[in-house]
């Protein structure tokens, strides 16, 4: 008797993503199951998810990790593909995912990203808490667990690690203004995590981190190859911990 074909769940966590969700879910119809977590949604995201036959989990979460874990726990597949609403899975990546998971051991796969700022593809310079060039998005059920931080929660991974070759498309920011607004949101969320931990660090340490993170992204991760975009990414990466520290010290919310 032939071995049972492994099932794939595609998981999307969304908060008022009606502008992105339609195309995102359409690209995920190759999966055996769609699971959509709707966090405090007040727009048309639920109707879009229903049209695509998704299993819908509705709720209100203040922290990213538990929200993502609620989705993972709702998935019934042997393997889970975790996708954000501003990301797209192309045909070549979908084929590689289905082919790879059939024979893969328990574990996870890192998927490389093509990151876009507006219409501009930016491949170099991401990192230091400001975007990723690759991350673990395909994993066996039970191989990935999210932490409890509000921004950039820690991840625990189990099993064997592998890499896929095809890239996931990520529309990171619409424009430079959107990038700056994201820095404001992220640093505010990080400041709340710092206050909750009671360890906000010192101003001199975070000033040093500004320069070390800038160097890491602009030089170590070759952001210089992206011109002004690479400079901006490195600058945001450097400012993120410094602004988070200052907000943790001076703001209460």
Protein backbone atom coordinates (compact mmCIF):
# COMPACT_ATOMS: atom_id res chain seq x y z
CA UNK A 1 0.00 0.00 0.00
CA UNK A 2 1.38 3.42 -0.94
CA UNK A 3 2.25 5.92 1.76
CA UNK A 4 -0.31 8.64 2.48
CA UNK A 5 0.36 11.92 0.70
CA UNK A 6 1.34 14.64 3.15
CA UNK A 7 -1.08 17.53 3.61
CA UNK A 8 -0.08 21.19 3.50
CA UNK A 9 -1.76 23.98 5.48
CA UNK A 10 -1.18 27.57 4.35
CA UNK A 11 -1.50 30.01 7.25
CA UNK A 12 -2.09 33.76 6.95
CA UNK A 13 -2.40 36.10 9.96
CA UNK A 14 -4.10 39.38 9.08
CA UNK A 15 -5.24 42.66 10.61
CA UNK A 16 -7.38 44.72 8.20
CA UNK A 17 -5.58 43.45 5.10
CA UNK A 18 -8.39 43.54 2.54
CA UNK A 19 -6.14 45.35 0.03
CA UNK A 20 -3.59 42.51 0.09
CA UNK A 21 -5.47 39.41 1.19
CA UNK A 22 -7.28 38.56 -2.07
CA UNK A 23 -4.12 38.14 -4.13
CA UNK A 24 -2.23 36.51 -1.26
CA UNK A 25 -4.85 33.78 -0.77
CA UNK A 26 -5.31 33.27 -4.51
CA UNK A 27 -1.61 32.34 -4.74
CA UNK A 28 -2.03 29.81 -1.92
CA UNK A 29 -4.79 27.72 -3.45
CA UNK A 30 -2.26 24.95 -4.17
CA UNK A 31 -2.34 24.10 -0.44
CA UNK A 32 -4.69 21.45 0.94
CA UNK A 33 -6.01 23.83 3.59
CA UNK A 34 -6.15 27.60 4.07
CA UNK A 35 -6.17 28.94 7.63
CA UNK A 36 -6.68 32.68 8.17
CA UNK A 37 -6.33 34.32 11.57
CA UNK A 38 -8.25 37.61 11.71
CA UNK A 39 -6.93 39.84 14.49
CA UNK A 40 -9.31 42.69 15.38
CA UNK A 41 -10.38 43.01 11.75
CA UNK A 42 -12.98 45.66 10.93
CA UNK A 43 -12.66 45.65 7.12
CA UNK A 44 -13.62 43.11 4.46
CA UNK A 45 -10.88 40.59 5.26
CA UNK A 46 -13.35 37.99 6.60
CA UNK A 47 -15.44 38.01 3.42
CA UNK A 48 -12.30 37.51 1.32
CA UNK A 49 -11.19 34.58 3.48
CA UNK A 50 -14.67 33.02 3.25
CA UNK A 51 -14.66 33.28 -0.55
CA UNK A 52 -11.45 31.25 -0.61
CA UNK A 53 -12.88 28.54 1.65
CA UNK A 54 -10.46 29.25 4.48
CA UNK A 55 -10.77 28.02 8.03
CA UNK A 56 -11.17 31.30 9.94
CA UNK A 57 -9.95 32.04 13.45
CA UNK A 58 -11.16 35.38 14.83
CA UNK A 59 -9.90 37.07 17.96
CA UNK A 60 -8.04 39.92 19.58
CA UNK A 61 -4.36 39.56 20.43
CA UNK A 62 -2.05 42.26 21.74
CA UNK A 63 1.10 40.21 21.18
CA UNK A 64 2.25 38.71 17.90
CA UNK A 65 3.52 35.35 19.16
CA UNK A 66 0.25 34.05 20.67
CA UNK A 67 -1.64 35.28 17.60
CA UNK A 68 0.60 33.25 15.30
CA UNK A 69 0.50 30.22 17.60
CA UNK A 70 -3.31 30.28 17.50
CA UNK A 71 -3.06 29.90 13.74
CA UNK A 72 -0.44 27.15 13.88
CA UNK A 73 -2.52 25.16 16.36
CA UNK A 74 -5.56 25.44 14.06
CA UNK A 75 -3.68 23.97 11.09
CA UNK A 76 -4.46 20.34 10.32
CA UNK A 77 -1.71 19.68 7.80
CA UNK A 78 1.47 17.66 8.23
CA UNK A 79 3.39 20.73 7.04
CA UNK A 80 2.59 24.42 7.45
CA UNK A 81 3.47 27.29 5.13
CA UNK A 82 3.34 30.60 7.01
CA UNK A 83 2.69 33.62 4.79
CA UNK A 84 1.94 37.25 5.61
CA UNK A 85 -0.70 39.13 3.64
CA UNK A 86 1.92 41.32 1.95
CA UNK A 87 3.79 38.27 0.64
CA UNK A 88 3.24 36.22 -2.52
CA UNK A 89 4.04 32.61 -3.40
CA UNK A 90 4.78 32.14 -7.09
CA UNK A 91 4.20 28.99 -9.15
CA UNK A 92 7.84 27.86 -9.02
CA UNK A 93 7.99 28.20 -5.22
CA UNK A 94 4.65 26.41 -4.83
CA UNK A 95 5.93 23.49 -6.89
CA UNK A 96 9.17 23.33 -4.88
CA UNK A 97 7.23 23.34 -1.61
CA UNK A 98 4.96 20.46 -2.63
CA UNK A 99 7.85 18.45 -4.01
CA UNK A 100 10.14 19.03 -1.02
CA UNK A 101 7.69 18.31 1.80
CA UNK A 102 6.80 14.86 0.44
CA UNK A 103 10.20 13.39 1.30
CA UNK A 104 11.50 15.83 3.95
CA UNK A 105 12.26 14.67 7.51
CA UNK A 106 10.74 16.42 10.52
CA UNK A 107 12.09 19.96 10.60
CA UNK A 108 11.86 23.25 8.73
CA UNK A 109 12.97 25.07 5.59
CA UNK A 110 14.18 28.63 5.18
CA UNK A 111 12.71 30.44 2.20
CA UNK A 112 14.69 33.26 0.56
CA UNK A 113 12.88 36.56 0.00
CA UNK A 114 12.66 39.12 -2.77
CA UNK A 115 11.88 42.31 -0.83
CA UNK A 116 10.27 45.28 -2.56
CA UNK A 117 10.06 48.92 -1.54
CA UNK A 118 7.34 50.14 -3.85
CA UNK A 119 8.25 48.72 -7.27
CA UNK A 120 11.96 48.57 -6.45
CA UNK A 121 13.50 45.16 -5.74
CA UNK A 122 15.97 45.39 -2.83
CA UNK A 123 17.90 42.17 -2.20
CA UNK A 124 20.85 43.37 -0.12
CA UNK A 125 21.16 45.02 3.27
CA UNK A 126 18.26 43.48 5.19
CA UNK A 127 18.80 42.29 8.74
CA UNK A 128 19.60 43.57 12.24
CA UNK A 129 15.86 43.54 13.14
CA UNK A 130 14.99 45.40 9.93
CA UNK A 131 13.66 42.95 7.38
CA UNK A 132 14.93 39.51 6.46
CA UNK A 133 16.59 37.97 3.42
CA UNK A 134 15.40 34.45 4.35
CA UNK A 135 13.39 32.93 7.18
CA UNK A 136 11.78 29.66 8.30
CA UNK A 137 8.31 29.65 6.76
CA UNK A 138 7.82 26.01 5.76
CA UNK A 139 7.85 23.63 8.71
CA UNK A 140 6.46 20.34 9.96
CA UNK A 141 3.64 20.57 12.48
CA UNK A 142 5.27 20.94 15.90
CA UNK A 143 8.63 22.18 14.57
CA UNK A 144 8.08 25.91 15.14
CA UNK A 145 7.03 27.84 18.24
CA UNK A 146 6.69 31.63 18.51
CA UNK A 147 7.70 33.59 21.63
CA UNK A 148 5.72 36.24 23.49
CA UNK A 149 7.41 39.47 22.39
CA UNK A 150 5.29 42.20 20.79
CA UNK A 151 7.73 42.90 17.96
CA UNK A 152 10.10 40.43 16.33
CA UNK A 153 9.15 37.60 18.71
CA UNK A 154 11.70 34.88 19.23
CA UNK A 155 11.22 31.57 17.44
CA UNK A 156 12.11 28.07 18.62
CA UNK A 157 12.75 25.58 15.80
CA UNK A 158 13.09 21.80 16.03
CA UNK A 159 14.30 19.14 13.64
CA UNK A 160 16.48 19.30 10.56
CA UNK A 161 17.05 22.58 8.76
CA UNK A 162 16.87 22.93 5.00
CA UNK A 163 16.80 25.65 2.36
CA UNK A 164 14.47 26.16 -0.57
CA UNK A 165 15.83 27.82 -3.71
CA UNK A 166 12.79 29.65 -5.07
CA UNK A 167 12.02 33.06 -3.56
CA UNK A 168 8.95 34.45 -1.84
CA UNK A 169 7.96 37.96 -2.90
CA UNK A 170 7.54 40.42 -0.04
CA UNK A 171 6.10 43.93 -0.52
CA UNK A 172 7.80 45.41 2.53
CA UNK A 173 6.98 49.12 2.23
CA UNK A 174 4.95 51.16 -0.25
CA UNK A 175 7.46 54.01 -0.22
CA UNK A 176 9.96 55.80 2.01
CA UNK A 177 7.21 57.42 4.10
CA UNK A 178 5.75 53.97 4.75
CA UNK A 179 9.20 52.78 5.86
CA UNK A 180 9.44 55.65 8.37
CA UNK A 181 5.95 54.93 9.69
CA UNK A 182 6.93 51.28 10.14
CA UNK A 183 9.96 52.37 12.16
CA UNK A 184 7.65 54.38 14.43
CA UNK A 185 5.26 51.42 14.93
CA UNK A 186 8.00 48.88 15.50
CA UNK A 187 9.96 51.02 17.94
CA UNK A 188 6.80 51.76 19.96
CA UNK A 189 6.01 48.04 20.21
CA UNK A 190 9.61 47.23 21.10
CA UNK A 191 9.55 49.92 23.81
CA UNK A 192 6.59 48.18 25.45
CA UNK A 193 8.52 44.90 25.44
CA UNK A 194 11.53 46.63 27.01
CA UNK A 195 9.44 48.20 29.77
CA UNK A 196 7.73 44.88 30.48
CA UNK A 197 11.10 43.14 30.81
CA UNK A 198 12.51 45.83 33.12
CA UNK A 199 15.69 45.88 31.04
CA UNK A 200 15.68 48.91 28.76
CA UNK A 201 19.46 49.19 28.45
CA UNK A 202 21.48 52.39 28.43
CA UNK A 203 21.68 55.32 26.05
CA UNK A 204 25.43 54.88 25.31
CA UNK A 205 24.95 51.18 24.49
CA UNK A 206 22.13 51.95 22.07
CA UNK A 207 24.09 54.75 20.42
CA UNK A 208 26.85 52.20 19.79
CA UNK A 209 24.26 49.80 18.40
CA UNK A 210 23.16 52.47 15.94
CA UNK A 211 26.60 52.42 14.34
CA UNK A 212 27.19 48.65 14.63
CA UNK A 213 23.83 47.80 13.08
CA UNK A 214 24.28 50.36 10.33
CA UNK A 215 27.68 48.81 9.51
CA UNK A 216 26.23 45.29 9.62
CA UNK A 217 23.53 46.10 7.07
CA UNK A 218 25.37 48.56 4.84
CA UNK A 219 28.72 46.74 4.70
CA UNK A 220 28.33 43.21 6.10
CA UNK A 221 25.07 42.52 4.26
CA UNK A 222 26.15 44.55 1.22
CA UNK A 223 23.47 47.23 1.44
CA UNK A 224 25.85 49.54 -0.41
CA UNK A 225 24.97 47.59 -3.56
CA UNK A 226 21.43 49.01 -3.35
CA UNK A 227 22.49 52.67 -3.39
CA UNK A 228 20.24 55.03 -1.42
CA UNK A 229 17.80 52.20 -0.60
CA UNK A 230 20.59 50.27 1.09
CA UNK A 231 21.60 53.37 3.04
CA UNK A 232 18.00 53.87 4.22
CA UNK A 233 17.63 50.24 5.31
CA UNK A 234 20.89 50.41 7.29
CA UNK A 235 19.81 53.71 8.86
CA UNK A 236 16.44 52.27 9.94
CA UNK A 237 18.17 49.18 11.37
CA UNK A 238 20.47 51.42 13.41
CA UNK A 239 17.74 53.76 14.62
CA UNK A 240 15.37 50.97 15.67
CA UNK A 241 17.05 49.99 18.99
CA UNK A 242 17.92 53.60 19.83
CA UNK A 243 14.37 54.89 19.32
CA UNK A 244 12.97 51.87 21.17
CA UNK A 245 15.20 52.64 24.15
CA UNK A 246 14.31 56.34 24.18
CA UNK A 247 10.58 55.61 23.97
CA UNK A 248 10.87 53.03 26.76
CA UNK A 249 12.51 55.65 28.98
CA UNK A 250 10.33 58.66 28.16
CA UNK A 251 6.91 57.32 27.18
CA UNK A 252 4.37 55.42 29.24
CA UNK A 253 2.18 53.95 26.50
